[in-house]
Amino acid sequence: MKRLTGIVFAALLLVCGAWSLAFLTGCDTASPTDPITIDPSTATLAAGQQQTFTASGGYDYTWSVDTDNGGELNTRTGNRVVFTCTSSSGYPKTLTVTSTIKGESAGATSTNGTGATYTETATAHIFLEGSTNNVITTPTNATTALEVAASDTKLSTNGTATLTATGGTPTYSWTKNNGLIGTLSDTKGAAIIYTAIGGTGTNVVTCTDSVGASKSVTITQN
């Protein structure tokens, strides 16, 4: 009887441990092709107001906003973030979540040479209450989907990679999620240079076009 009780207790520990890991890191997808989504997909805020955004599908979430002025995120990682509207500048905004998923998927952005992991993105739009500019324009001159290419995705300290955007609807804006380990030569333009300034880890660089479409590439530093 004592042995059976011990086995049941150990099984409960394994289940609780797995549940805790999923809670802390985000929920893994049932299938590597499950779409990444943000809830809500739009929000309208006045200065001082906040909105919670939640990502689902995917794994290991990283968040970015296309413009830094006028608002801030309470965190850049995790499946849930809170955006605070601090002023009337820089709206509408595009909020992007990038998810790194284990597996392979056609059309996704590979984060290494083997295709063992890939990234998917989803976007939400943040509008300013009372603004006449609360419009996300549907692309009319985009003939191909936005794509981002990197000359290298694995860098050592002081290494550089050229990041190039094609397709979508110019102009292009660039953001990174980790300013401690890398820098961008510019935040606008079809081609920029990423420089690894030190440290190890990953840096997700996201390109957003003029109508809110986005694509990301992950730089790994060692």
N, C-alpha and C. Protein backbone atom coordinates (compact mmCIF):
# COMPACT_ATOMS: atom_id res chain seq x y z
N MET A 1 0.82 -1.21 0.00
CA MET A 1 0.00 0.00 0.00
C MET A 1 0.86 1.26 0.00
N LYS A 2 1.93 1.27 0.84
CA LYS A 2 2.82 2.43 0.88
C LYS A 2 3.50 2.64 -0.46
N ARG A 3 3.88 1.52 -1.13
CA ARG A 3 4.55 1.64 -2.43
C ARG A 3 3.61 2.24 -3.46
N LEU A 4 2.32 1.81 -3.45
CA LEU A 4 1.35 2.36 -4.39
C LEU A 4 1.13 3.84 -4.15
N THR A 5 1.06 4.23 -2.89
CA THR A 5 0.89 5.64 -2.56
C THR A 5 2.06 6.47 -3.07
N GLY A 6 3.26 5.93 -2.93
CA GLY A 6 4.45 6.63 -3.42
C GLY A 6 4.44 6.81 -4.92
N ILE A 7 3.97 5.80 -5.65
CA ILE A 7 3.90 5.89 -7.11
C ILE A 7 2.90 6.96 -7.53
N VAL A 8 1.74 6.98 -6.87
CA VAL A 8 0.72 7.99 -7.18
C VAL A 8 1.24 9.38 -6.91
N PHE A 9 1.94 9.55 -5.77
CA PHE A 9 2.49 10.85 -5.41
C PHE A 9 3.51 11.33 -6.45
N ALA A 10 4.37 10.40 -6.90
CA ALA A 10 5.38 10.76 -7.91
C ALA A 10 4.73 11.17 -9.22
N ALA A 11 3.65 10.46 -9.59
CA ALA A 11 2.93 10.81 -10.83
C ALA A 11 2.31 12.19 -10.73
N LEU A 12 1.75 12.52 -9.56
CA LEU A 12 1.18 13.85 -9.36
C LEU A 12 2.23 14.93 -9.46
N LEU A 13 3.45 14.66 -8.92
CA LEU A 13 4.54 15.63 -9.02
C LEU A 13 4.92 15.89 -10.46
N LEU A 14 4.95 14.84 -11.30
CA LEU A 14 5.30 15.00 -12.71
C LEU A 14 4.24 15.84 -13.43
N VAL A 15 2.96 15.58 -13.16
CA VAL A 15 1.89 16.33 -13.81
C VAL A 15 1.93 17.79 -13.39
N CYS A 16 2.10 18.03 -12.08
CA CYS A 16 2.14 19.41 -11.60
C CYS A 16 3.36 20.15 -12.13
N GLY A 17 4.48 19.45 -12.24
CA GLY A 17 5.68 20.08 -12.79
C GLY A 17 5.50 20.48 -14.23
N ALA A 18 4.88 19.60 -15.02
CA ALA A 18 4.63 19.92 -16.43
C ALA A 18 3.68 21.08 -16.56
N TRP A 19 2.63 21.10 -15.67
CA TRP A 19 1.67 22.21 -15.72
C TRP A 19 2.35 23.52 -15.37
N SER A 20 3.22 23.50 -14.37
CA SER A 20 3.92 24.72 -13.96
C SER A 20 4.82 25.23 -15.05
N LEU A 21 5.52 24.33 -15.75
CA LEU A 21 6.40 24.74 -16.84
C LEU A 21 5.61 25.38 -17.96
N ALA A 22 4.45 24.79 -18.30
CA ALA A 22 3.62 25.37 -19.36
C ALA A 22 3.12 26.74 -18.97
N PHE A 23 2.78 26.89 -17.68
CA PHE A 23 2.28 28.18 -17.20
C PHE A 23 3.34 29.27 -17.30
N LEU A 24 4.60 28.90 -17.01
CA LEU A 24 5.68 29.89 -16.98
C LEU A 24 6.18 30.23 -18.37
N THR A 25 6.20 29.28 -19.30
CA THR A 25 6.86 29.50 -20.58
C THR A 25 5.90 29.70 -21.73
N GLY A 26 4.62 29.44 -21.53
CA GLY A 26 3.69 29.53 -22.64
C GLY A 26 3.26 28.15 -23.06
N CYS A 27 2.20 28.07 -23.80
CA CYS A 27 1.61 26.78 -24.12
C CYS A 27 2.15 26.28 -25.44
N ASP A 28 2.66 25.07 -25.46
CA ASP A 28 3.17 24.48 -26.69
C ASP A 28 2.01 24.13 -27.60
N THR A 29 2.25 24.14 -28.90
CA THR A 29 1.18 23.85 -29.83
C THR A 29 0.95 22.36 -29.94
N ALA A 30 -0.30 22.00 -30.22
CA ALA A 30 -0.60 20.59 -30.46
C ALA A 30 -0.01 20.15 -31.79
N SER A 31 0.14 21.06 -32.71
CA SER A 31 0.73 20.80 -34.00
C SER A 31 1.67 21.95 -34.34
N PRO A 32 2.84 21.67 -34.97
CA PRO A 32 3.77 22.76 -35.29
C PRO A 32 3.22 23.75 -36.30
N THR A 33 2.08 23.44 -36.92
CA THR A 33 1.50 24.38 -37.89
C THR A 33 0.35 25.18 -37.28
N ASP A 34 0.06 25.00 -35.98
CA ASP A 34 -1.00 25.79 -35.35
C ASP A 34 -0.66 27.28 -35.46
N PRO A 35 -1.65 28.14 -35.79
CA PRO A 35 -1.37 29.57 -35.92
C PRO A 35 -1.15 30.24 -34.58
N ILE A 36 -0.34 31.31 -34.58
CA ILE A 36 -0.15 32.15 -33.41
C ILE A 36 -1.18 33.26 -33.47
N THR A 37 -1.84 33.55 -32.36
CA THR A 37 -2.85 34.60 -32.33
C THR A 37 -2.65 35.50 -31.12
N ILE A 38 -3.15 36.73 -31.22
CA ILE A 38 -3.14 37.68 -30.10
C ILE A 38 -4.59 38.06 -29.78
N ASP A 39 -4.93 38.04 -28.52
CA ASP A 39 -6.25 38.45 -28.07
C ASP A 39 -6.12 39.59 -27.06
N PRO A 40 -6.76 40.75 -27.30
CA PRO A 40 -7.54 41.10 -28.49
C PRO A 40 -6.64 41.46 -29.66
N SER A 41 -7.22 41.47 -30.85
CA SER A 41 -6.44 41.83 -32.04
C SER A 41 -6.36 43.33 -32.26
N THR A 42 -7.26 44.08 -31.62
CA THR A 42 -7.22 45.54 -31.67
C THR A 42 -7.61 46.11 -30.30
N ALA A 43 -7.14 47.33 -30.03
CA ALA A 43 -7.50 48.03 -28.80
C ALA A 43 -7.43 49.52 -29.06
N THR A 44 -8.35 50.27 -28.46
CA THR A 44 -8.37 51.72 -28.56
C THR A 44 -8.20 52.30 -27.16
N LEU A 45 -7.15 53.11 -26.98
CA LEU A 45 -6.79 53.60 -25.65
C LEU A 45 -6.63 55.11 -25.63
N ALA A 46 -6.86 55.70 -24.47
CA ALA A 46 -6.53 57.08 -24.20
C ALA A 46 -5.30 57.11 -23.30
N ALA A 47 -4.65 58.28 -23.22
CA ALA A 47 -3.44 58.39 -22.40
C ALA A 47 -3.75 57.97 -20.97
N GLY A 48 -2.90 57.10 -20.42
CA GLY A 48 -3.07 56.60 -19.07
C GLY A 48 -3.79 55.27 -18.98
N GLN A 49 -4.42 54.84 -20.07
CA GLN A 49 -5.13 53.57 -20.06
C GLN A 49 -4.21 52.41 -20.42
N GLN A 50 -4.62 51.21 -20.01
CA GLN A 50 -3.84 50.01 -20.27
C GLN A 50 -4.69 48.95 -20.95
N GLN A 51 -3.99 48.03 -21.64
CA GLN A 51 -4.66 46.90 -22.27
C GLN A 51 -3.76 45.67 -22.13
N THR A 52 -4.35 44.56 -21.69
CA THR A 52 -3.62 43.30 -21.62
C THR A 52 -3.80 42.54 -22.92
N PHE A 53 -2.69 42.05 -23.48
CA PHE A 53 -2.72 41.24 -24.69
C PHE A 53 -2.19 39.84 -24.35
N THR A 54 -2.86 38.82 -24.88
CA THR A 54 -2.49 37.43 -24.59
C THR A 54 -2.24 36.68 -25.89
N ALA A 55 -1.10 35.99 -25.96
CA ALA A 55 -0.76 35.17 -27.12
C ALA A 55 -1.14 33.72 -26.86
N SER A 56 -1.57 33.03 -27.90
CA SER A 56 -1.87 31.61 -27.78
C SER A 56 -1.34 30.89 -29.00
N GLY A 57 -1.11 29.58 -28.84
CA GLY A 57 -0.42 28.83 -29.87
C GLY A 57 1.05 29.15 -29.79
N GLY A 58 1.91 28.22 -30.08
CA GLY A 58 3.34 28.51 -30.08
C GLY A 58 4.01 28.29 -28.74
N TYR A 59 5.17 28.91 -28.57
CA TYR A 59 6.05 28.61 -27.44
C TYR A 59 7.10 29.71 -27.35
N ASP A 60 7.50 30.09 -26.14
CA ASP A 60 8.56 31.09 -25.93
C ASP A 60 8.27 32.39 -26.67
N TYR A 61 7.42 33.21 -26.11
CA TYR A 61 6.93 34.42 -26.79
C TYR A 61 7.85 35.62 -26.55
N THR A 62 8.04 36.42 -27.62
CA THR A 62 8.78 37.67 -27.55
C THR A 62 7.93 38.75 -28.22
N TRP A 63 7.81 39.93 -27.54
CA TRP A 63 6.93 40.99 -28.01
C TRP A 63 7.71 42.22 -28.43
N SER A 64 7.17 42.97 -29.39
CA SER A 64 7.77 44.23 -29.80
C SER A 64 6.68 45.16 -30.31
N VAL A 65 6.96 46.48 -30.28
CA VAL A 65 6.06 47.50 -30.81
C VAL A 65 6.81 48.26 -31.89
N ASP A 66 6.13 48.60 -32.97
CA ASP A 66 6.83 49.20 -34.12
C ASP A 66 7.38 50.58 -33.82
N THR A 67 6.76 51.34 -32.89
CA THR A 67 7.31 52.64 -32.49
C THR A 67 7.37 52.71 -30.97
N ASP A 68 8.44 53.29 -30.44
CA ASP A 68 8.65 53.31 -28.99
C ASP A 68 7.95 54.48 -28.30
N ASN A 69 7.63 55.55 -29.04
CA ASN A 69 7.03 56.73 -28.40
C ASN A 69 5.54 56.52 -28.17
N GLY A 70 5.02 57.11 -27.10
CA GLY A 70 3.59 57.09 -26.86
C GLY A 70 3.05 55.92 -26.07
N GLY A 71 3.89 54.95 -25.75
CA GLY A 71 3.41 53.80 -25.00
C GLY A 71 4.53 52.85 -24.63
N GLU A 72 4.24 51.93 -23.73
CA GLU A 72 5.26 50.99 -23.29
C GLU A 72 4.64 49.67 -22.86
N LEU A 73 5.46 48.60 -22.98
CA LEU A 73 5.08 47.28 -22.53
C LEU A 73 5.68 47.02 -21.16
N ASN A 74 4.95 46.29 -20.33
CA ASN A 74 5.49 45.97 -19.00
C ASN A 74 6.55 44.88 -19.06
N THR A 75 6.56 44.10 -20.15
CA THR A 75 7.56 43.05 -20.34
C THR A 75 7.65 42.75 -21.82
N ARG A 76 8.72 42.10 -22.23
CA ARG A 76 8.90 41.73 -23.64
C ARG A 76 8.80 40.23 -23.86
N THR A 77 8.61 39.47 -22.80
CA THR A 77 8.55 38.02 -22.91
C THR A 77 7.32 37.48 -22.17
N GLY A 78 7.00 36.21 -22.43
CA GLY A 78 5.85 35.58 -21.81
C GLY A 78 4.63 35.62 -22.70
N ASN A 79 3.59 34.88 -22.34
CA ASN A 79 2.41 34.83 -23.21
C ASN A 79 1.42 35.96 -22.95
N ARG A 80 1.71 36.81 -21.94
CA ARG A 80 0.80 37.91 -21.64
C ARG A 80 1.60 39.19 -21.35
N VAL A 81 1.19 40.31 -21.98
CA VAL A 81 1.84 41.60 -21.74
C VAL A 81 0.78 42.65 -21.49
N VAL A 82 1.19 43.73 -20.84
CA VAL A 82 0.30 44.88 -20.60
C VAL A 82 0.91 46.09 -21.29
N PHE A 83 0.13 46.70 -22.20
CA PHE A 83 0.57 47.91 -22.90
C PHE A 83 -0.08 49.11 -22.22
N THR A 84 0.74 50.14 -21.92
CA THR A 84 0.24 51.37 -21.32
C THR A 84 0.39 52.52 -22.31
N CYS A 85 -0.71 53.21 -22.59
CA CYS A 85 -0.67 54.40 -23.44
C CYS A 85 -0.20 55.58 -22.60
N THR A 86 0.95 56.15 -22.95
CA THR A 86 1.52 57.23 -22.15
C THR A 86 1.34 58.61 -22.76
N SER A 87 1.08 58.68 -24.07
CA SER A 87 0.85 59.97 -24.73
C SER A 87 0.16 59.71 -26.06
N SER A 88 -0.06 60.78 -26.83
CA SER A 88 -0.77 60.65 -28.10
C SER A 88 0.15 60.45 -29.29
N SER A 89 1.44 60.22 -29.05
CA SER A 89 2.41 60.12 -30.14
C SER A 89 2.50 58.70 -30.70
N GLY A 90 2.69 58.62 -32.02
CA GLY A 90 3.05 57.36 -32.64
C GLY A 90 1.92 56.38 -32.86
N TYR A 91 0.69 56.85 -33.00
CA TYR A 91 -0.44 55.94 -33.23
C TYR A 91 -0.97 56.09 -34.65
N PRO A 92 -1.54 54.99 -35.21
CA PRO A 92 -1.72 53.67 -34.60
C PRO A 92 -0.42 52.90 -34.49
N LYS A 93 -0.40 51.93 -33.58
CA LYS A 93 0.79 51.11 -33.35
C LYS A 93 0.50 49.65 -33.73
N THR A 94 1.56 48.96 -34.11
CA THR A 94 1.47 47.53 -34.39
C THR A 94 2.25 46.76 -33.33
N LEU A 95 1.55 45.91 -32.62
CA LEU A 95 2.15 45.06 -31.60
C LEU A 95 2.40 43.69 -32.22
N THR A 96 3.64 43.20 -32.12
CA THR A 96 4.01 41.93 -32.73
C THR A 96 4.48 40.95 -31.67
N VAL A 97 3.99 39.73 -31.75
CA VAL A 97 4.51 38.65 -30.91
C VAL A 97 5.18 37.62 -31.81
N THR A 98 6.36 37.20 -31.41
CA THR A 98 7.12 36.19 -32.15
C THR A 98 7.24 34.95 -31.27
N SER A 99 6.97 33.79 -31.85
CA SER A 99 7.02 32.55 -31.09
C SER A 99 8.02 31.60 -31.73
N THR A 100 8.92 31.06 -30.91
CA THR A 100 9.88 30.06 -31.37
C THR A 100 9.30 28.68 -31.09
N ILE A 101 9.17 27.88 -32.15
CA ILE A 101 8.51 26.58 -32.05
C ILE A 101 9.46 25.48 -32.48
N LYS A 102 9.47 24.39 -31.74
CA LYS A 102 10.29 23.24 -32.10
C LYS A 102 9.59 22.46 -33.20
N GLY A 103 10.36 22.10 -34.25
CA GLY A 103 9.79 21.36 -35.36
C GLY A 103 10.15 22.01 -36.67
N GLU A 104 9.40 21.69 -37.71
CA GLU A 104 9.64 22.24 -39.03
C GLU A 104 8.31 22.68 -39.62
N SER A 105 8.35 23.75 -40.39
CA SER A 105 7.14 24.25 -41.02
C SER A 105 7.51 24.97 -42.30
N ALA A 106 6.89 24.59 -43.40
CA ALA A 106 7.16 25.24 -44.67
C ALA A 106 6.72 26.69 -44.62
N GLY A 107 7.57 27.59 -45.06
CA GLY A 107 7.23 29.00 -45.10
C GLY A 107 7.55 29.76 -43.84
N ALA A 108 7.90 29.07 -42.76
CA ALA A 108 8.26 29.74 -41.52
C ALA A 108 9.73 30.13 -41.56
N THR A 109 10.13 31.01 -40.65
CA THR A 109 11.51 31.48 -40.60
C THR A 109 12.35 30.53 -39.76
N SER A 110 13.32 29.85 -40.36
CA SER A 110 14.17 28.92 -39.63
C SER A 110 15.14 29.69 -38.76
N THR A 111 15.34 29.24 -37.51
CA THR A 111 16.24 29.93 -36.60
C THR A 111 17.61 29.29 -36.56
N ASN A 112 17.81 28.24 -37.30
CA ASN A 112 19.15 27.66 -37.41
C ASN A 112 19.25 26.89 -38.72
N GLY A 113 20.42 26.34 -38.97
CA GLY A 113 20.65 25.70 -40.25
C GLY A 113 19.96 24.37 -40.41
N THR A 114 19.50 23.75 -39.33
CA THR A 114 18.93 22.42 -39.42
C THR A 114 17.42 22.43 -39.52
N GLY A 115 16.80 23.58 -39.27
CA GLY A 115 15.35 23.64 -39.29
C GLY A 115 14.71 23.02 -38.07
N ALA A 116 15.49 22.82 -37.00
CA ALA A 116 14.97 22.19 -35.79
C ALA A 116 13.98 23.07 -35.06
N THR A 117 14.11 24.38 -35.23
CA THR A 117 13.14 25.31 -34.67
C THR A 117 12.81 26.35 -35.72
N TYR A 118 11.65 26.99 -35.58
CA TYR A 118 11.27 28.05 -36.51
C TYR A 118 10.45 29.09 -35.77
N THR A 119 10.23 30.23 -36.39
CA THR A 119 9.47 31.29 -35.75
C THR A 119 8.20 31.60 -36.52
N GLU A 120 7.16 31.93 -35.78
CA GLU A 120 5.90 32.42 -36.34
C GLU A 120 5.57 33.73 -35.64
N THR A 121 4.85 34.60 -36.32
CA THR A 121 4.48 35.90 -35.73
C THR A 121 2.98 36.16 -35.87
N ALA A 122 2.48 37.00 -34.98
CA ALA A 122 1.11 37.51 -35.07
C ALA A 122 1.15 38.98 -34.68
N THR A 123 0.18 39.73 -35.15
CA THR A 123 0.15 41.17 -34.85
C THR A 123 -1.21 41.60 -34.32
N ALA A 124 -1.18 42.67 -33.53
CA ALA A 124 -2.39 43.36 -33.06
C ALA A 124 -2.18 44.85 -33.28
N HIS A 125 -3.25 45.60 -33.38
CA HIS A 125 -3.16 47.03 -33.64
C HIS A 125 -3.72 47.82 -32.45
N ILE A 126 -3.01 48.89 -32.09
CA ILE A 126 -3.39 49.74 -30.97
C ILE A 126 -3.71 51.13 -31.50
N PHE A 127 -4.93 51.60 -31.25
CA PHE A 127 -5.38 52.89 -31.75
C PHE A 127 -5.51 53.90 -30.60
N LEU A 128 -5.48 55.16 -30.96
CA LEU A 128 -5.62 56.25 -30.00
C LEU A 128 -7.07 56.73 -29.98
N GLU A 129 -7.64 56.80 -28.79
CA GLU A 129 -9.02 57.24 -28.64
C GLU A 129 -9.21 58.67 -29.17
N GLY A 130 -10.19 58.85 -30.03
CA GLY A 130 -10.51 60.18 -30.57
C GLY A 130 -9.68 60.60 -31.76
N SER A 131 -8.72 59.75 -32.17
CA SER A 131 -7.84 60.11 -33.29
C SER A 131 -8.55 59.90 -34.62
N THR A 132 -8.22 60.73 -35.60
CA THR A 132 -8.75 60.55 -36.95
C THR A 132 -7.85 59.67 -37.80
N ASN A 133 -6.77 59.18 -37.18
CA ASN A 133 -5.80 58.37 -37.91
C ASN A 133 -5.91 56.89 -37.55
N ASN A 134 -7.05 56.47 -37.01
CA ASN A 134 -7.21 55.09 -36.57
C ASN A 134 -7.60 54.18 -37.72
N VAL A 135 -6.71 54.09 -38.69
CA VAL A 135 -6.98 53.29 -39.88
C VAL A 135 -5.75 52.45 -40.20
N ILE A 136 -5.95 51.16 -40.42
CA ILE A 136 -4.90 50.29 -40.94
C ILE A 136 -5.21 50.06 -42.41
N THR A 137 -4.38 50.61 -43.27
CA THR A 137 -4.64 50.57 -44.71
C THR A 137 -4.42 49.18 -45.27
N THR A 138 -5.37 48.71 -46.05
CA THR A 138 -5.20 47.43 -46.73
C THR A 138 -4.21 47.60 -47.87
N PRO A 139 -3.22 46.70 -47.99
CA PRO A 139 -2.21 46.85 -49.03
C PRO A 139 -2.84 46.89 -50.43
N THR A 140 -2.41 47.86 -51.22
CA THR A 140 -2.88 47.94 -52.59
C THR A 140 -1.75 47.74 -53.60
N ASN A 141 -0.50 47.98 -53.14
CA ASN A 141 0.62 47.85 -54.06
C ASN A 141 1.59 46.74 -53.65
N ALA A 142 1.17 45.89 -52.70
CA ALA A 142 2.02 44.79 -52.29
C ALA A 142 1.76 43.60 -53.21
N THR A 143 2.74 43.27 -54.02
CA THR A 143 2.58 42.17 -54.96
C THR A 143 3.05 40.85 -54.37
N THR A 144 3.90 40.89 -53.35
CA THR A 144 4.38 39.69 -52.69
C THR A 144 4.36 39.90 -51.18
N ALA A 145 4.37 38.81 -50.45
CA ALA A 145 4.38 38.88 -48.99
C ALA A 145 5.72 39.42 -48.50
N LEU A 146 5.69 40.06 -47.35
CA LEU A 146 6.92 40.58 -46.74
C LEU A 146 7.84 39.43 -46.36
N GLU A 147 9.10 39.55 -46.70
CA GLU A 147 10.11 38.55 -46.35
C GLU A 147 11.34 39.25 -45.79
N VAL A 148 12.02 38.59 -44.87
CA VAL A 148 13.25 39.11 -44.29
C VAL A 148 14.35 38.06 -44.43
N ALA A 149 15.49 38.47 -44.96
CA ALA A 149 16.63 37.57 -45.12
C ALA A 149 17.81 38.11 -44.32
N ALA A 150 18.59 37.20 -43.74
CA ALA A 150 19.79 37.56 -42.99
C ALA A 150 21.00 36.90 -43.62
N SER A 151 22.08 37.67 -43.77
CA SER A 151 23.30 37.10 -44.34
C SER A 151 23.92 36.06 -43.41
N ASP A 152 23.63 36.16 -42.13
CA ASP A 152 24.11 35.18 -41.15
C ASP A 152 23.19 35.26 -39.93
N THR A 153 22.90 34.13 -39.31
CA THR A 153 22.06 34.13 -38.11
C THR A 153 22.80 33.61 -36.88
N LYS A 154 24.08 33.30 -37.03
CA LYS A 154 24.88 32.87 -35.89
C LYS A 154 26.14 33.73 -35.84
N LEU A 155 26.27 34.53 -34.78
CA LEU A 155 27.34 35.51 -34.71
C LEU A 155 28.11 35.38 -33.41
N SER A 156 29.39 35.74 -33.48
CA SER A 156 30.22 35.92 -32.29
C SER A 156 30.32 37.42 -32.01
N THR A 157 30.94 37.79 -30.89
CA THR A 157 31.07 39.20 -30.53
C THR A 157 31.74 39.99 -31.64
N ASN A 158 31.17 41.14 -31.98
CA ASN A 158 31.60 42.05 -33.05
C ASN A 158 31.26 41.53 -34.45
N GLY A 159 30.61 40.39 -34.53
CA GLY A 159 30.17 39.90 -35.83
C GLY A 159 28.98 40.70 -36.34
N THR A 160 28.81 40.73 -37.65
CA THR A 160 27.71 41.50 -38.24
C THR A 160 26.92 40.64 -39.22
N ALA A 161 25.69 41.03 -39.43
CA ALA A 161 24.84 40.39 -40.42
C ALA A 161 24.00 41.45 -41.10
N THR A 162 23.87 41.34 -42.41
CA THR A 162 23.01 42.25 -43.16
C THR A 162 21.60 41.68 -43.22
N LEU A 163 20.62 42.48 -42.80
CA LEU A 163 19.23 42.07 -42.82
C LEU A 163 18.51 42.83 -43.93
N THR A 164 17.83 42.10 -44.79
CA THR A 164 17.21 42.70 -45.97
C THR A 164 15.73 42.37 -46.02
N ALA A 165 14.90 43.39 -46.24
CA ALA A 165 13.46 43.20 -46.38
C ALA A 165 13.06 43.32 -47.85
N THR A 166 12.17 42.44 -48.27
CA THR A 166 11.63 42.49 -49.62
C THR A 166 10.13 42.22 -49.56
N GLY A 167 9.41 42.64 -50.61
CA GLY A 167 7.98 42.41 -50.66
C GLY A 167 7.24 43.33 -49.70
N GLY A 168 6.01 42.96 -49.39
CA GLY A 168 5.20 43.79 -48.51
C GLY A 168 4.94 45.16 -49.12
N THR A 169 4.74 46.14 -48.24
CA THR A 169 4.47 47.51 -48.67
C THR A 169 5.43 48.45 -47.98
N PRO A 170 6.51 48.89 -48.68
CA PRO A 170 7.45 49.84 -48.05
C PRO A 170 6.69 51.08 -47.57
N THR A 171 7.20 51.78 -46.54
CA THR A 171 8.56 51.66 -46.00
C THR A 171 8.63 50.61 -44.90
N TYR A 172 9.92 50.25 -44.54
CA TYR A 172 10.15 49.22 -43.55
C TYR A 172 10.71 49.82 -42.26
N SER A 173 10.22 49.30 -41.13
CA SER A 173 10.73 49.69 -39.82
C SER A 173 11.26 48.45 -39.11
N TRP A 174 12.34 48.63 -38.31
CA TRP A 174 13.00 47.50 -37.67
C TRP A 174 13.05 47.69 -36.15
N THR A 175 12.84 46.60 -35.42
CA THR A 175 13.00 46.60 -33.97
C THR A 175 13.72 45.33 -33.54
N LYS A 176 14.33 45.37 -32.36
CA LYS A 176 14.98 44.19 -31.78
C LYS A 176 14.47 44.02 -30.36
N ASN A 177 14.56 42.81 -29.83
CA ASN A 177 14.01 42.59 -28.51
C ASN A 177 15.07 42.56 -27.41
N ASN A 178 16.35 42.63 -27.78
CA ASN A 178 17.41 42.58 -26.76
C ASN A 178 18.52 43.56 -27.13
N GLY A 179 18.44 44.76 -26.56
CA GLY A 179 19.44 45.78 -26.85
C GLY A 179 20.74 45.58 -26.11
N LEU A 180 20.80 44.61 -25.19
CA LEU A 180 22.02 44.40 -24.42
C LEU A 180 23.07 43.63 -25.20
N ILE A 181 22.65 42.85 -26.20
CA ILE A 181 23.62 42.01 -26.90
C ILE A 181 23.80 42.38 -28.37
N GLY A 182 22.96 43.27 -28.90
CA GLY A 182 23.10 43.62 -30.31
C GLY A 182 22.54 44.98 -30.63
N THR A 183 23.01 45.56 -31.74
CA THR A 183 22.54 46.87 -32.19
C THR A 183 22.14 46.81 -33.65
N LEU A 184 21.31 47.77 -34.06
CA LEU A 184 20.90 47.92 -35.45
C LEU A 184 21.50 49.21 -36.00
N SER A 185 21.98 49.15 -37.24
CA SER A 185 22.56 50.34 -37.85
C SER A 185 21.53 51.41 -38.12
N ASP A 186 20.26 51.01 -38.25
CA ASP A 186 19.17 51.97 -38.51
C ASP A 186 17.87 51.29 -38.12
N THR A 187 16.81 52.08 -37.95
CA THR A 187 15.49 51.52 -37.67
C THR A 187 14.56 51.65 -38.88
N LYS A 188 15.05 52.20 -39.98
CA LYS A 188 14.28 52.35 -41.20
C LYS A 188 15.12 51.88 -42.39
N GLY A 189 14.43 51.45 -43.44
CA GLY A 189 15.14 51.10 -44.66
C GLY A 189 14.95 49.64 -45.05
N ALA A 190 15.28 49.34 -46.31
CA ALA A 190 15.14 47.98 -46.83
C ALA A 190 16.28 47.08 -46.39
N ALA A 191 17.43 47.64 -46.03
CA ALA A 191 18.57 46.84 -45.59
C ALA A 191 19.26 47.54 -44.42
N ILE A 192 19.53 46.79 -43.38
CA ILE A 192 20.23 47.31 -42.21
C ILE A 192 21.30 46.31 -41.79
N ILE A 193 22.16 46.74 -40.88
CA ILE A 193 23.23 45.86 -40.39
C ILE A 193 23.03 45.62 -38.90
N TYR A 194 23.01 44.35 -38.53
CA TYR A 194 22.95 43.96 -37.12
C TYR A 194 24.37 43.67 -36.65
N THR A 195 24.75 44.22 -35.48
CA THR A 195 26.08 43.98 -34.90
C THR A 195 25.94 43.35 -33.53
N ALA A 196 26.63 42.22 -33.32
CA ALA A 196 26.66 41.56 -32.03
C ALA A 196 27.67 42.27 -31.14
N ILE A 197 27.21 42.94 -30.10
CA ILE A 197 28.11 43.74 -29.27
C ILE A 197 28.63 42.99 -28.06
N GLY A 198 28.18 41.77 -27.86
CA GLY A 198 28.68 40.98 -26.73
C GLY A 198 27.57 40.22 -26.06
N GLY A 199 27.95 39.21 -25.29
CA GLY A 199 26.97 38.41 -24.60
C GLY A 199 26.49 37.26 -25.47
N THR A 200 25.79 36.32 -24.84
CA THR A 200 25.24 35.18 -25.56
C THR A 200 23.73 35.17 -25.45
N GLY A 201 23.09 34.48 -26.37
CA GLY A 201 21.63 34.39 -26.36
C GLY A 201 21.07 34.64 -27.74
N THR A 202 19.80 34.95 -27.79
CA THR A 202 19.13 35.20 -29.06
C THR A 202 18.54 36.60 -29.08
N ASN A 203 18.47 37.17 -30.27
CA ASN A 203 17.88 38.48 -30.48
C ASN A 203 16.91 38.38 -31.64
N VAL A 204 15.64 38.66 -31.38
CA VAL A 204 14.63 38.61 -32.43
C VAL A 204 14.51 39.99 -33.06
N VAL A 205 14.83 40.08 -34.34
CA VAL A 205 14.74 41.34 -35.08
C VAL A 205 13.50 41.27 -35.97
N THR A 206 12.62 42.26 -35.82
CA THR A 206 11.34 42.25 -36.53
C THR A 206 11.28 43.42 -37.50
N CYS A 207 10.87 43.12 -38.72
CA CYS A 207 10.65 44.14 -39.74
C CYS A 207 9.14 44.30 -39.93
N THR A 208 8.66 45.54 -39.88
CA THR A 208 7.25 45.84 -40.08
C THR A 208 7.10 46.81 -41.24
N ASP A 209 6.20 46.48 -42.19
CA ASP A 209 6.05 47.39 -43.33
C ASP A 209 5.01 48.46 -43.01
N SER A 210 4.70 49.30 -43.98
CA SER A 210 3.89 50.49 -43.73
C SER A 210 2.43 50.19 -43.43
N VAL A 211 1.98 48.96 -43.69
CA VAL A 211 0.58 48.62 -43.41
C VAL A 211 0.46 47.61 -42.27
N GLY A 212 1.57 47.39 -41.56
CA GLY A 212 1.50 46.56 -40.37
C GLY A 212 1.89 45.11 -40.54
N ALA A 213 2.18 44.66 -41.76
CA ALA A 213 2.67 43.29 -41.93
C ALA A 213 4.08 43.18 -41.33
N SER A 214 4.40 42.06 -40.72
CA SER A 214 5.70 41.94 -40.07
C SER A 214 6.31 40.57 -40.32
N LYS A 215 7.61 40.52 -40.22
CA LYS A 215 8.37 39.27 -40.37
C LYS A 215 9.60 39.39 -39.48
N SER A 216 10.00 38.29 -38.86
CA SER A 216 11.10 38.32 -37.91
C SER A 216 12.19 37.32 -38.29
N VAL A 217 13.38 37.62 -37.80
CA VAL A 217 14.52 36.70 -37.92
C VAL A 217 15.21 36.67 -36.58
N THR A 218 15.69 35.51 -36.17
CA THR A 218 16.34 35.36 -34.89
C THR A 218 17.85 35.21 -35.07
N ILE A 219 18.60 36.08 -34.39
CA ILE A 219 20.06 36.03 -34.39
C ILE A 219 20.53 35.32 -33.12
N THR A 220 21.36 34.32 -33.28
CA THR A 220 21.91 33.59 -32.14
C THR A 220 23.36 33.99 -31.93
N GLN A 221 23.70 34.39 -30.72
CA GLN A 221 25.07 34.82 -30.40
C GLN A 221 25.73 33.84 -29.44
N ASN A 222 27.00 33.57 -29.71
CA ASN A 222 27.74 32.64 -28.84
C ASN A 222 29.15 33.13 -28.63
